[in-house]
Every structure is written in structure tokens, then in C-alpha cells.
């Protein structure tokens, strides 16, 4: 690098304060909707049975913020997989078929 080339400054992220009483929610489902100006993420917990999934959090982002979030998530998943191995995504069936098998059922659902 020549001495005339400007040096890139590291990105300084804002400090975050996590409240001591913040409730942690487990989610296994997200519904995404959008308008021209925002993306809406409804995070939910789906349990087996006829009950609807319980939405525990709704996050609204601008398209730019959502794109940056997607990039950060992708980078972090790559780091996770390089440490712990590939995350396998189920094949042809719905994810719920894999998550909510009947008790004692161990084999893969049949391919369609």
C-alpha cells in the first residue's frame, strides 16, 4: 500500500445496552411481509397440534436495514458452519414434517 492510499477506518458499531429484565423468546417460525417502504417480520413459536403459532415479536425494518441484516446473518451462519459443520436443510418435505414427528417415529418422511 502506498503512502498516498487512504487507510480505511474500521467500522465502529454503536454500543448496545441489554436490559437486565429482557425476556428471551424462542422462535422457530417467521412470517415475512413487505410494502414498498418496509419489511415486517413476525417471529412465532409453532407447537405441534391444531393451535396457531403464537407470534411473540414483530420487527419492522427498512429494505436497507433488512438487506444489511440478511448480509450479517449470512456471514454469521458461514462462521457457525465453519466451526460446527454444515447445517443441513430438509429436502422435499415441509420443515414441520421434520420438526413435529409423532412420538417414536424415527425414519425420514417419504419423498413426494
PDB file of N, CA and C in Angstrom:
ATOM      1  N   UNK A   1       0.848  -1.161   0.000  1.00  0.00           N
ATOM      2  CA  UNK A   1       0.000   0.000   0.000  1.00  0.00           C
ATOM      3  C   UNK A   1       0.899   1.232   0.000  1.00  0.00           C
ATOM      4  N   UNK A   2       0.664   2.145  -0.918  1.00  0.00           N
ATOM      5  CA  UNK A   2       1.482   3.364  -0.968  1.00  0.00           C
ATOM      6  C   UNK A   2       1.051   4.319   0.124  1.00  0.00           C
ATOM      7  N   UNK A   3       1.946   5.312   0.417  1.00  0.00           N
ATOM      8  CA  UNK A   3       1.583   6.227   1.496  1.00  0.00           C
ATOM      9  C   UNK A   3       0.485   7.195   1.087  1.00  0.00           C
ATOM     10  N   UNK A   4       0.169   7.304  -0.219  1.00  0.00           N
ATOM     11  CA  UNK A   4      -0.909   8.187  -0.672  1.00  0.00           C
ATOM     12  C   UNK A   4      -2.287   7.509  -0.639  1.00  0.00           C
ATOM     13  N   UNK A   5      -2.318   6.183  -0.494  1.00  0.00           N
ATOM     14  CA  UNK A   5      -3.589   5.461  -0.446  1.00  0.00           C
ATOM     15  C   UNK A   5      -4.237   5.687   0.919  1.00  0.00           C
ATOM     16  N   UNK A   6      -5.496   6.163   0.914  1.00  0.00           N
ATOM     17  CA  UNK A   6      -6.146   6.398   2.209  1.00  0.00           C
ATOM     18  C   UNK A   6      -6.373   5.085   2.954  1.00  0.00           C
ATOM     19  N   UNK A   7      -6.160   5.132   4.247  1.00  0.00           N
ATOM     20  CA  UNK A   7      -6.339   3.964   5.096  1.00  0.00           C
ATOM     21  C   UNK A   7      -7.814   3.875   5.488  1.00  0.00           C
ATOM     22  N   UNK A   8      -8.411   2.684   5.333  1.00  0.00           N
ATOM     23  CA  UNK A   8      -9.807   2.502   5.712  1.00  0.00           C
ATOM     24  C   UNK A   8      -9.906   2.405   7.230  1.00  0.00           C
ATOM     25  N   UNK A   9     -10.820   3.181   7.774  1.00  0.00           N
ATOM     26  CA  UNK A   9     -11.083   3.137   9.212  1.00  0.00           C
ATOM     27  C   UNK A   9     -12.003   1.948   9.501  1.00  0.00           C
ATOM     28  N   UNK A  10     -11.755   1.242  10.597  1.00  0.00           N
ATOM     29  CA  UNK A  10     -12.666   0.146  10.941  1.00  0.00           C
ATOM     30  C   UNK A  10     -14.060   0.708  11.255  1.00  0.00           C
ATOM     31  N   UNK A  11     -15.070  -0.072  10.930  1.00  0.00           N
ATOM     32  CA  UNK A  11     -16.437   0.338  11.232  1.00  0.00           C
ATOM     33  C   UNK A  11     -16.642   0.290  12.732  1.00  0.00           C
ATOM     34  N   UNK A  12     -17.145   1.380  13.276  1.00  0.00           N
ATOM     35  CA  UNK A  12     -17.423   1.442  14.713  1.00  0.00           C
ATOM     36  C   UNK A  12     -18.907   1.211  14.926  1.00  0.00           C
ATOM     37  N   UNK A  13     -19.222   0.101  15.547  1.00  0.00           N
ATOM     38  CA  UNK A  13     -20.616  -0.224  15.820  1.00  0.00           C
ATOM     39  C   UNK A  13     -21.070   0.488  17.081  1.00  0.00           C
ATOM     40  N   UNK A  14     -22.338   0.871  17.137  1.00  0.00           N
ATOM     41  CA  UNK A  14     -22.832   1.530  18.343  1.00  0.00           C
ATOM     42  C   UNK A  14     -22.844   0.551  19.512  1.00  0.00           C
ATOM     43  N   UNK A  15     -22.631   1.068  20.700  1.00  0.00           N
ATOM     44  CA  UNK A  15     -22.735   0.224  21.894  1.00  0.00           C
ATOM     45  C   UNK A  15     -24.202  -0.121  22.104  1.00  0.00           C
ATOM     46  N   UNK A  16     -24.439  -1.307  22.595  1.00  0.00           N
ATOM     47  CA  UNK A  16     -25.806  -1.745  22.862  1.00  0.00           C
ATOM     48  C   UNK A  16     -25.937  -2.071  24.336  1.00  0.00           C
ATOM     49  N   UNK A  17     -27.054  -1.673  24.898  1.00  0.00           N
ATOM     50  CA  UNK A  17     -27.324  -1.984  26.298  1.00  0.00           C
ATOM     51  C   UNK A  17     -28.505  -2.947  26.337  1.00  0.00           C
ATOM     52  N   UNK A  18     -28.294  -4.098  26.941  1.00  0.00           N
ATOM     53  CA  UNK A  18     -29.345  -5.101  27.053  1.00  0.00           C
ATOM     54  C   UNK A  18     -29.925  -5.012  28.456  1.00  0.00           C
ATOM     55  N   UNK A  19     -31.215  -4.680  28.567  1.00  0.00           N
ATOM     56  CA  UNK A  19     -31.826  -4.561  29.894  1.00  0.00           C
ATOM     57  C   UNK A  19     -31.738  -5.884  30.659  1.00  0.00           C
ATOM     58  N   UNK A  20     -31.519  -5.795  31.946  1.00  0.00           N
ATOM     59  CA  UNK A  20     -31.405  -6.999  32.778  1.00  0.00           C
ATOM     60  C   UNK A  20     -32.695  -7.813  32.771  1.00  0.00           C
ATOM     61  N   UNK A  21     -33.841  -7.169  32.609  1.00  0.00           N
ATOM     62  CA  UNK A  21     -35.121  -7.867  32.653  1.00  0.00           C
ATOM     63  C   UNK A  21     -35.652  -8.244  31.266  1.00  0.00           C
ATOM     64  N   UNK A  22     -34.801  -8.168  30.235  1.00  0.00           N
ATOM     65  CA  UNK A  22     -35.220  -8.515  28.883  1.00  0.00           C
ATOM     66  C   UNK A  22     -35.631  -9.982  28.822  1.00  0.00           C
ATOM     67  N   UNK A  23     -36.828 -10.243  28.308  1.00  0.00           N
ATOM     68  CA  UNK A  23     -37.295 -11.621  28.173  1.00  0.00           C
ATOM     69  C   UNK A  23     -36.751 -12.226  26.882  1.00  0.00           C
ATOM     70  N   UNK A  24     -36.286 -13.453  26.974  1.00  0.00           N
ATOM     71  CA  UNK A  24     -35.785 -14.174  25.813  1.00  0.00           C
ATOM     72  C   UNK A  24     -36.924 -15.015  25.269  1.00  0.00           C
ATOM     73  N   UNK A  25     -37.135 -14.937  23.965  1.00  0.00           N
ATOM     74  CA  UNK A  25     -38.188 -15.701  23.307  1.00  0.00           C
ATOM     75  C   UNK A  25     -37.551 -16.730  22.386  1.00  0.00           C
ATOM     76  N   UNK A  26     -38.030 -17.959  22.434  1.00  0.00           N
ATOM     77  CA  UNK A  26     -37.618 -18.978  21.471  1.00  0.00           C
ATOM     78  C   UNK A  26     -38.597 -18.930  20.308  1.00  0.00           C
ATOM     79  N   UNK A  27     -38.096 -18.835  19.087  1.00  0.00           N
ATOM     80  CA  UNK A  27     -38.948 -18.855  17.906  1.00  0.00           C
ATOM     81  C   UNK A  27     -38.440 -19.918  16.943  1.00  0.00           C
ATOM     82  N   UNK A  28     -39.364 -20.516  16.205  1.00  0.00           N
ATOM     83  CA  UNK A  28     -38.977 -21.496  15.197  1.00  0.00           C
ATOM     84  C   UNK A  28     -39.716 -21.252  13.878  1.00  0.00           C
ATOM     85  N   UNK A  29     -40.306 -20.063  13.774  1.00  0.00           N
ATOM     86  CA  UNK A  29     -41.063 -19.720  12.583  1.00  0.00           C
ATOM     87  C   UNK A  29     -41.047 -18.207  12.407  1.00  0.00           C
ATOM     88  N   UNK A  30     -40.895 -17.758  11.185  1.00  0.00           N
ATOM     89  CA  UNK A  30     -41.002 -16.325  10.904  1.00  0.00           C
ATOM     90  C   UNK A  30     -41.833 -16.148   9.638  1.00  0.00           C
ATOM     91  N   UNK A  31     -42.778 -15.231   9.710  1.00  0.00           N
ATOM     92  CA  UNK A  31     -43.562 -14.850   8.534  1.00  0.00           C
ATOM     93  C   UNK A  31     -43.072 -13.478   8.103  1.00  0.00           C
ATOM     94  N   UNK A  32     -42.800 -13.323   6.813  1.00  0.00           N
ATOM     95  CA  UNK A  32     -42.253 -12.068   6.305  1.00  0.00           C
ATOM     96  C   UNK A  32     -43.242 -11.473   5.309  1.00  0.00           C
ATOM     97  N   UNK A  33     -43.568 -10.207   5.514  1.00  0.00           N
ATOM     98  CA  UNK A  33     -44.416  -9.460   4.585  1.00  0.00           C
ATOM     99  C   UNK A  33     -43.685  -8.166   4.262  1.00  0.00           C
ATOM    100  N   UNK A  34     -44.110  -7.499   3.195  1.00  0.00           N
ATOM    101  CA  UNK A  34     -43.429  -6.253   2.853  1.00  0.00           C
ATOM    102  C   UNK A  34     -44.356  -5.294   2.118  1.00  0.00           C
ATOM    103  N   UNK A  35     -43.978  -4.042   2.192  1.00  0.00           N
ATOM    104  CA  UNK A  35     -44.600  -2.976   1.411  1.00  0.00           C
ATOM    105  C   UNK A  35     -43.447  -2.319   0.652  1.00  0.00           C
ATOM    106  N   UNK A  36     -43.710  -1.309  -0.156  1.00  0.00           N
ATOM    107  CA  UNK A  36     -42.592  -0.655  -0.850  1.00  0.00           C
ATOM    108  C   UNK A  36     -41.574  -0.013   0.097  1.00  0.00           C
ATOM    109  N   UNK A  37     -41.983   0.294   1.325  1.00  0.00           N
ATOM    110  CA  UNK A  37     -41.082   1.030   2.209  1.00  0.00           C
ATOM    111  C   UNK A  37     -40.585   0.261   3.428  1.00  0.00           C
ATOM    112  N   UNK A  38     -41.093  -0.967   3.667  1.00  0.00           N
ATOM    113  CA  UNK A  38     -40.653  -1.691   4.852  1.00  0.00           C
ATOM    114  C   UNK A  38     -40.879  -3.190   4.722  1.00  0.00           C
ATOM    115  N   UNK A  39     -40.126  -3.930   5.525  1.00  0.00           N
ATOM    116  CA  UNK A  39     -40.327  -5.368   5.656  1.00  0.00           C
ATOM    117  C   UNK A  39     -40.780  -5.629   7.079  1.00  0.00           C
ATOM    118  N   UNK A  40     -41.740  -6.551   7.222  1.00  0.00           N
ATOM    119  CA  UNK A  40     -42.296  -6.885   8.528  1.00  0.00           C
ATOM    120  C   UNK A  40     -41.996  -8.350   8.804  1.00  0.00           C
ATOM    121  N   UNK A  41     -41.383  -8.607   9.944  1.00  0.00           N
ATOM    122  CA  UNK A  41     -41.028  -9.962  10.366  1.00  0.00           C
ATOM    123  C   UNK A  41     -41.848 -10.310  11.603  1.00  0.00           C
ATOM    124  N   UNK A  42     -42.718 -11.301  11.500  1.00  0.00           N
ATOM    125  CA  UNK A  42     -43.470 -11.798  12.652  1.00  0.00           C
ATOM    126  C   UNK A  42     -42.806 -13.087  13.112  1.00  0.00           C
ATOM    127  N   UNK A  43     -42.172 -13.041  14.279  1.00  0.00           N
ATOM    128  CA  UNK A  43     -41.489 -14.198  14.840  1.00  0.00           C
ATOM    129  C   UNK A  43     -42.470 -14.945  15.736  1.00  0.00           C
ATOM    130  N   UNK A  44     -42.525 -16.273  15.572  1.00  0.00           N
ATOM    131  CA  UNK A  44     -43.510 -17.074  16.294  1.00  0.00           C
ATOM    132  C   UNK A  44     -42.909 -18.380  16.779  1.00  0.00           C
ATOM    133  N   UNK A  45     -43.649 -18.994  17.688  1.00  0.00           N
ATOM    134  CA  UNK A  45     -43.296 -20.313  18.205  1.00  0.00           C
ATOM    135  C   UNK A  45     -44.433 -21.248  17.812  1.00  0.00           C
ATOM    136  N   UNK A  46     -44.114 -22.236  16.986  1.00  0.00           N
ATOM    137  CA  UNK A  46     -45.101 -23.195  16.500  1.00  0.00           C
ATOM    138  C   UNK A  46     -44.964 -24.497  17.271  1.00  0.00           C
ATOM    139  N   UNK A  47     -46.050 -24.926  17.873  1.00  0.00           N
ATOM    140  CA  UNK A  47     -46.085 -26.199  18.583  1.00  0.00           C
ATOM    141  C   UNK A  47     -46.916 -27.188  17.786  1.00  0.00           C
ATOM    142  N   UNK A  48     -46.676 -28.495  17.962  1.00  0.00           N
ATOM    143  CA  UNK A  48     -47.498 -29.484  17.269  1.00  0.00           C
ATOM    144  C   UNK A  48     -48.958 -29.359  17.702  1.00  0.00           C
ATOM    145  N   UNK A  49     -49.849 -29.654  16.801  1.00  0.00           N
ATOM    146  CA  UNK A  49     -51.270 -29.620  17.129  1.00  0.00           C
ATOM    147  C   UNK A  49     -51.999 -28.536  16.371  1.00  0.00           C
ATOM    148  N   UNK A  50     -53.294 -28.419  16.640  1.00  0.00           N
ATOM    149  CA  UNK A  50     -54.131 -27.509  15.858  1.00  0.00           C
ATOM    150  C   UNK A  50     -54.021 -26.028  16.248  1.00  0.00           C
ATOM    151  N   UNK A  51     -53.369 -25.722  17.332  1.00  0.00           N
ATOM    152  CA  UNK A  51     -53.278 -24.321  17.756  1.00  0.00           C
ATOM    153  C   UNK A  51     -52.456 -23.508  16.765  1.00  0.00           C
ATOM    154  N   UNK A  52     -52.814 -22.246  16.578  1.00  0.00           N
ATOM    155  CA  UNK A  52     -51.996 -21.411  15.682  1.00  0.00           C
ATOM    156  C   UNK A  52     -50.654 -21.075  16.343  1.00  0.00           C
ATOM    157  N   UNK A  53     -49.676 -20.746  15.518  1.00  0.00           N
ATOM    158  CA  UNK A  53     -48.371 -20.320  16.039  1.00  0.00           C
ATOM    159  C   UNK A  53     -48.564 -19.020  16.820  1.00  0.00           C
ATOM    160  N   UNK A  54     -47.886 -18.888  17.946  1.00  0.00           N
ATOM    161  CA  UNK A  54     -48.003 -17.696  18.780  1.00  0.00           C
ATOM    162  C   UNK A  54     -46.911 -16.708  18.397  1.00  0.00           C
ATOM    163  N   UNK A  55     -47.320 -15.564  17.838  1.00  0.00           N
ATOM    164  CA  UNK A  55     -46.354 -14.522  17.477  1.00  0.00           C
ATOM    165  C   UNK A  55     -45.899 -13.844  18.760  1.00  0.00           C
ATOM    166  N   UNK A  56     -44.581 -13.812  18.954  1.00  0.00           N
ATOM    167  CA  UNK A  56     -44.035 -13.216  20.171  1.00  0.00           C
ATOM    168  C   UNK A  56     -43.371 -11.876  19.916  1.00  0.00           C
ATOM    169  N   UNK A  57     -43.059 -11.602  18.648  1.00  0.00           N
ATOM    170  CA  UNK A  57     -42.375 -10.349  18.349  1.00  0.00           C
ATOM    171  C   UNK A  57     -42.613  -9.970  16.893  1.00  0.00           C
ATOM    172  N   UNK A  58     -42.845  -8.684  16.657  1.00  0.00           N
ATOM    173  CA  UNK A  58     -42.962  -8.157  15.294  1.00  0.00           C
ATOM    174  C   UNK A  58     -41.858  -7.123  15.130  1.00  0.00           C
ATOM    175  N   UNK A  59     -41.025  -7.331  14.119  1.00  0.00           N
ATOM    176  CA  UNK A  59     -39.922  -6.429  13.825  1.00  0.00           C
ATOM    177  C   UNK A  59     -40.190  -5.794  12.464  1.00  0.00           C
ATOM    178  N   UNK A  60     -40.101  -4.470  12.379  1.00  0.00           N
ATOM    179  CA  UNK A  60     -40.300  -3.748  11.133  1.00  0.00           C
ATOM    180  C   UNK A  60     -38.973  -3.085  10.769  1.00  0.00           C
ATOM    181  N   UNK A  61     -38.527  -3.282   9.520  1.00  0.00           N
ATOM    182  CA  UNK A  61     -37.252  -2.736   9.047  1.00  0.00           C
ATOM    183  C   UNK A  61     -37.430  -2.069   7.696  1.00  0.00           C
ATOM    184  N   UNK A  62     -36.570  -1.108   7.421  1.00  0.00           N
ATOM    185  CA  UNK A  62     -36.499  -0.565   6.069  1.00  0.00           C
ATOM    186  C   UNK A  62     -35.874  -1.631   5.172  1.00  0.00           C
ATOM    187  N   UNK A  63     -36.079  -1.542   3.859  1.00  0.00           N
ATOM    188  CA  UNK A  63     -35.424  -2.511   2.967  1.00  0.00           C
ATOM    189  C   UNK A  63     -33.898  -2.517   3.126  1.00  0.00           C
ATOM    190  N   UNK A  64     -33.295  -1.351   3.315  1.00  0.00           N
ATOM    191  CA  UNK A  64     -31.839  -1.296   3.512  1.00  0.00           C
ATOM    192  C   UNK A  64     -31.433  -2.027   4.788  1.00  0.00           C
ATOM    193  N   UNK A  65     -32.131  -1.770   5.886  1.00  0.00           N
ATOM    194  CA  UNK A  65     -31.802  -2.440   7.145  1.00  0.00           C
ATOM    195  C   UNK A  65     -31.985  -3.946   7.014  1.00  0.00           C
ATOM    196  N   UNK A  66     -33.044  -4.371   6.316  1.00  0.00           N
ATOM    197  CA  UNK A  66     -33.279  -5.804   6.120  1.00  0.00           C
ATOM    198  C   UNK A  66     -32.169  -6.433   5.283  1.00  0.00           C
ATOM    199  N   UNK A  67     -31.711  -5.725   4.260  1.00  0.00           N
ATOM    200  CA  UNK A  67     -30.624  -6.242   3.416  1.00  0.00           C
ATOM    201  C   UNK A  67     -29.332  -6.368   4.229  1.00  0.00           C
ATOM    202  N   UNK A  68     -29.044  -5.373   5.054  1.00  0.00           N
ATOM    203  CA  UNK A  68     -27.852  -5.438   5.903  1.00  0.00           C
ATOM    204  C   UNK A  68     -27.978  -6.557   6.939  1.00  0.00           C
ATOM    205  N   UNK A  69     -29.189  -6.742   7.477  1.00  0.00           N
ATOM    206  CA  UNK A  69     -29.440  -7.837   8.410  1.00  0.00           C
ATOM    207  C   UNK A  69     -29.213  -9.176   7.714  1.00  0.00           C
ATOM    208  N   UNK A  70     -29.715  -9.310   6.487  1.00  0.00           N
ATOM    209  CA  UNK A  70     -29.518 -10.537   5.713  1.00  0.00           C
ATOM    210  C   UNK A  70     -28.034 -10.820   5.503  1.00  0.00           C
ATOM    211  N   UNK A  71     -27.284  -9.791   5.171  1.00  0.00           N
ATOM    212  CA  UNK A  71     -25.843  -9.957   4.963  1.00  0.00           C
ATOM    213  C   UNK A  71     -25.155 -10.392   6.262  1.00  0.00           C
ATOM    214  N   UNK A  72     -25.507  -9.750   7.373  1.00  0.00           N
ATOM    215  CA  UNK A  72     -24.904 -10.109   8.661  1.00  0.00           C
ATOM    216  C   UNK A  72     -25.278 -11.537   9.060  1.00  0.00           C
ATOM    217  N   UNK A  73     -26.535 -11.919   8.824  1.00  0.00           N
ATOM    218  CA  UNK A  73     -26.970 -13.270   9.154  1.00  0.00           C
ATOM    219  C   UNK A  73     -26.218 -14.301   8.318  1.00  0.00           C
ATOM    220  N   UNK A  74     -26.070 -14.027   7.016  1.00  0.00           N
ATOM    221  CA  UNK A  74     -25.333 -14.927   6.127  1.00  0.00           C
ATOM    222  C   UNK A  74     -23.889 -15.088   6.588  1.00  0.00           C
ATOM    223  N   UNK A  75     -23.231 -13.988   6.912  1.00  0.00           N
ATOM    224  CA  UNK A  75     -21.844 -14.055   7.379  1.00  0.00           C
ATOM    225  C   UNK A  75     -21.735 -14.863   8.667  1.00  0.00           C
ATOM    226  N   UNK A  76     -22.679 -14.664   9.592  1.00  0.00           N
ATOM    227  CA  UNK A  76     -22.629 -15.386  10.858  1.00  0.00           C
ATOM    228  C   UNK A  76     -22.948 -16.862  10.684  1.00  0.00           C
ATOM    229  N   UNK A  77     -23.858 -17.208   9.787  1.00  0.00           N
ATOM    230  CA  UNK A  77     -24.121 -18.623   9.515  1.00  0.00           C
ATOM    231  C   UNK A  77     -22.902 -19.295   8.900  1.00  0.00           C
ATOM    232  N   UNK A  78     -22.194 -18.587   8.021  1.00  0.00           N
ATOM    233  CA  UNK A  78     -20.961 -19.140   7.446  1.00  0.00           C
ATOM    234  C   UNK A  78     -19.921 -19.391   8.531  1.00  0.00           C
ATOM    235  N   UNK A  79     -19.773 -18.455   9.459  1.00  0.00           N
ATOM    236  CA  UNK A  79     -18.831 -18.638  10.576  1.00  0.00           C
ATOM    237  C   UNK A  79     -19.255 -19.819  11.444  1.00  0.00           C
ATOM    238  N   UNK A  80     -20.563 -19.918  11.719  1.00  0.00           N
ATOM    239  CA  UNK A  80     -21.076 -21.023  12.518  1.00  0.00           C
ATOM    240  C   UNK A  80     -20.746 -22.355  11.855  1.00  0.00           C
ATOM    241  N   UNK A  81     -21.031 -22.460  10.536  1.00  0.00           N
ATOM    242  CA  UNK A  81     -20.794 -23.712   9.830  1.00  0.00           C
ATOM    243  C   UNK A  81     -19.310 -24.045   9.723  1.00  0.00           C
ATOM    244  N   UNK A  82     -18.458 -23.042   9.624  1.00  0.00           N
ATOM    245  CA  UNK A  82     -17.025 -23.337   9.563  1.00  0.00           C
ATOM    246  C   UNK A  82     -16.531 -23.878  10.905  1.00  0.00           C
ATOM    247  N   UNK A  83     -17.213 -23.521  11.985  1.00  0.00           N
ATOM    248  CA  UNK A  83     -16.841 -24.014  13.308  1.00  0.00           C
ATOM    249  C   UNK A  83     -17.498 -25.352  13.631  1.00  0.00           C
ATOM    250  N   UNK A  84     -18.805 -25.473  13.351  1.00  0.00           N
ATOM    251  CA  UNK A  84     -19.590 -26.622  13.815  1.00  0.00           C
ATOM    252  C   UNK A  84     -20.040 -27.579  12.710  1.00  0.00           C
ATOM    253  N   UNK A  85     -19.803 -27.240  11.467  1.00  0.00           N
ATOM    254  CA  UNK A  85     -20.229 -28.100  10.374  1.00  0.00           C
ATOM    255  C   UNK A  85     -21.480 -27.575   9.694  1.00  0.00           C
ATOM    256  N   UNK A  86     -21.757 -28.141   8.523  1.00  0.00           N
ATOM    257  CA  UNK A  86     -22.874 -27.685   7.702  1.00  0.00           C
ATOM    258  C   UNK A  86     -24.216 -27.886   8.393  1.00  0.00           C
ATOM    259  N   UNK A  87     -25.077 -26.903   8.258  1.00  0.00           N
ATOM    260  CA  UNK A  87     -26.454 -27.008   8.719  1.00  0.00           C
ATOM    261  C   UNK A  87     -27.241 -27.623   7.563  1.00  0.00           C
ATOM    262  N   UNK A  88     -27.776 -28.796   7.790  1.00  0.00           N
ATOM    263  CA  UNK A  88     -28.491 -29.494   6.718  1.00  0.00           C
ATOM    264  C   UNK A  88     -29.945 -29.043   6.689  1.00  0.00           C
ATOM    265  N   UNK A  89     -30.409 -28.700   5.498  1.00  0.00           N
ATOM    266  CA  UNK A  89     -31.796 -28.292   5.306  1.00  0.00           C
ATOM    267  C   UNK A  89     -32.561 -29.488   4.766  1.00  0.00           C
ATOM    268  N   UNK A  90     -33.731 -29.805   5.352  1.00  0.00           N
ATOM    269  CA  UNK A  90     -34.515 -30.943   4.875  1.00  0.00           C
ATOM    270  C   UNK A  90     -34.865 -30.797   3.399  1.00  0.00           C
ATOM    271  N   UNK A  91     -35.092 -31.924   2.743  1.00  0.00           N
ATOM    272  CA  UNK A  91     -35.351 -31.967   1.307  1.00  0.00           C
ATOM    273  C   UNK A  91     -36.716 -31.484   0.883  1.00  0.00           C
ATOM    274  N   UNK A  92     -37.492 -32.381   0.272  1.00  0.00           N
ATOM    275  CA  UNK A  92     -38.739 -32.023  -0.394  1.00  0.00           C
ATOM    276  C   UNK A  92     -39.887 -31.691   0.544  1.00  0.00           C
ATOM    277  N   UNK A  93     -39.857 -32.176   1.731  1.00  0.00           N
ATOM    278  CA  UNK A  93     -40.989 -32.039   2.649  1.00  0.00           C
ATOM    279  C   UNK A  93     -40.965 -30.690   3.356  1.00  0.00           C
ATOM    280  N   UNK A  94     -42.072 -30.348   3.957  1.00  0.00           N
ATOM    281  CA  UNK A  94     -42.163 -29.131   4.756  1.00  0.00           C
ATOM    282  C   UNK A  94     -41.308 -29.302   6.005  1.00  0.00           C
ATOM    283  N   UNK A  95     -40.738 -28.229   6.462  1.00  0.00           N
ATOM    284  CA  UNK A  95     -39.901 -28.271   7.653  1.00  0.00           C
ATOM    285  C   UNK A  95     -40.679 -28.831   8.842  1.00  0.00           C
ATOM    286  N   UNK A  96     -41.952 -28.521   8.948  1.00  0.00           N
ATOM    287  CA  UNK A  96     -42.769 -29.021  10.055  1.00  0.00           C
ATOM    288  C   UNK A  96     -42.810 -30.548  10.081  1.00  0.00           C
ATOM    289  N   UNK A  97     -42.719 -31.201   8.910  1.00  0.00           N
ATOM    290  CA  UNK A  97     -42.707 -32.661   8.869  1.00  0.00           C
ATOM    291  C   UNK A  97     -41.497 -33.227   9.608  1.00  0.00           C
ATOM    292  N   UNK A  98     -40.414 -32.487   9.613  1.00  0.00           N
ATOM    293  CA  UNK A  98     -39.196 -32.923  10.301  1.00  0.00           C
ATOM    294  C   UNK A  98     -39.207 -32.500  11.765  1.00  0.00           C
ATOM    295  N   UNK A  99     -39.767 -31.339  12.047  1.00  0.00           N
ATOM    296  CA  UNK A  99     -39.757 -30.831  13.417  1.00  0.00           C
ATOM    297  C   UNK A  99     -40.772 -31.532  14.307  1.00  0.00           C
ATOM    298  N   UNK A 100     -41.909 -31.927  13.730  1.00  0.00           N
ATOM    299  CA  UNK A 100     -43.015 -32.394  14.552  1.00  0.00           C
ATOM    300  C   UNK A 100     -43.451 -33.801  14.187  1.00  0.00           C
ATOM    301  N   UNK A 101     -42.515 -34.732  14.243  1.00  0.00           N
ATOM    302  CA  UNK A 101     -42.842 -36.136  14.022  1.00  0.00           C
ATOM    303  C   UNK A 101     -43.628 -36.647  15.212  1.00  0.00           C
ATOM    304  N   UNK A 102     -44.416 -37.683  14.974  1.00  0.00           N
ATOM    305  CA  UNK A 102     -45.130 -38.322  16.075  1.00  0.00           C
ATOM    306  C   UNK A 102     -44.117 -38.996  16.982  1.00  0.00           C
ATOM    307  N   UNK A 103     -44.441 -39.099  18.223  1.00  0.00           N
ATOM    308  CA  UNK A 103     -43.589 -39.726  19.211  1.00  0.00           C
ATOM    309  C   UNK A 103     -43.196 -41.133  18.769  1.00  0.00           C
ATOM    310  N   UNK A 104     -41.910 -41.452  18.825  1.00  0.00           N
ATOM    311  CA  UNK A 104     -41.413 -42.769  18.452  1.00  0.00           C
ATOM    312  C   UNK A 104     -41.092 -42.913  16.975  1.00  0.00           C
ATOM    313  N   UNK A 105     -41.468 -41.965  16.160  1.00  0.00           N
ATOM    314  CA  UNK A 105     -41.204 -42.020  14.724  1.00  0.00           C
ATOM    315  C   UNK A 105     -39.770 -41.577  14.477  1.00  0.00           C
ATOM    316  N   UNK A 106     -38.976 -42.418  13.813  1.00  0.00           N
ATOM    317  CA  UNK A 106     -37.571 -42.084  13.612  1.00  0.00           C
ATOM    318  C   UNK A 106     -37.154 -42.006  12.151  1.00  0.00           C
ATOM    319  N   UNK A 107     -37.914 -42.622  11.270  1.00  0.00           N
ATOM    320  CA  UNK A 107     -37.466 -42.611   9.876  1.00  0.00           C
ATOM    321  C   UNK A 107     -37.855 -41.328   9.180  1.00  0.00           C
ATOM    322  N   UNK A 108     -37.152 -41.047   8.072  1.00  0.00           N
ATOM    323  CA  UNK A 108     -37.418 -39.868   7.242  1.00  0.00           C
ATOM    324  C   UNK A 108     -38.812 -39.983   6.639  1.00  0.00           C
ATOM    325  N   UNK A 109     -39.546 -38.869   6.528  1.00  0.00           N
ATOM    326  CA  UNK A 109     -40.827 -38.930   5.804  1.00  0.00           C
ATOM    327  C   UNK A 109     -40.566 -39.308   4.348  1.00  0.00           C
ATOM    328  N   UNK A 110     -41.498 -40.004   3.714  1.00  0.00           N
ATOM    329  CA  UNK A 110     -41.294 -40.425   2.327  1.00  0.00           C
ATOM    330  C   UNK A 110     -41.180 -39.223   1.398  1.00  0.00           C
ATOM    331  N   UNK A 111     -40.379 -39.371   0.329  1.00  0.00           N
ATOM    332  CA  UNK A 111     -40.257 -38.315  -0.676  1.00  0.00           C
ATOM    333  C   UNK A 111     -41.514 -38.257  -1.503  1.00  0.00           C
ATOM    334  N   UNK A 112     -41.826 -37.043  -1.941  1.00  0.00           N
ATOM    335  CA  UNK A 112     -43.024 -36.880  -2.789  1.00  0.00           C
ATOM    336  C   UNK A 112     -42.637 -36.935  -4.235  1.00  0.00           C
TER     337      UNK A 112
END
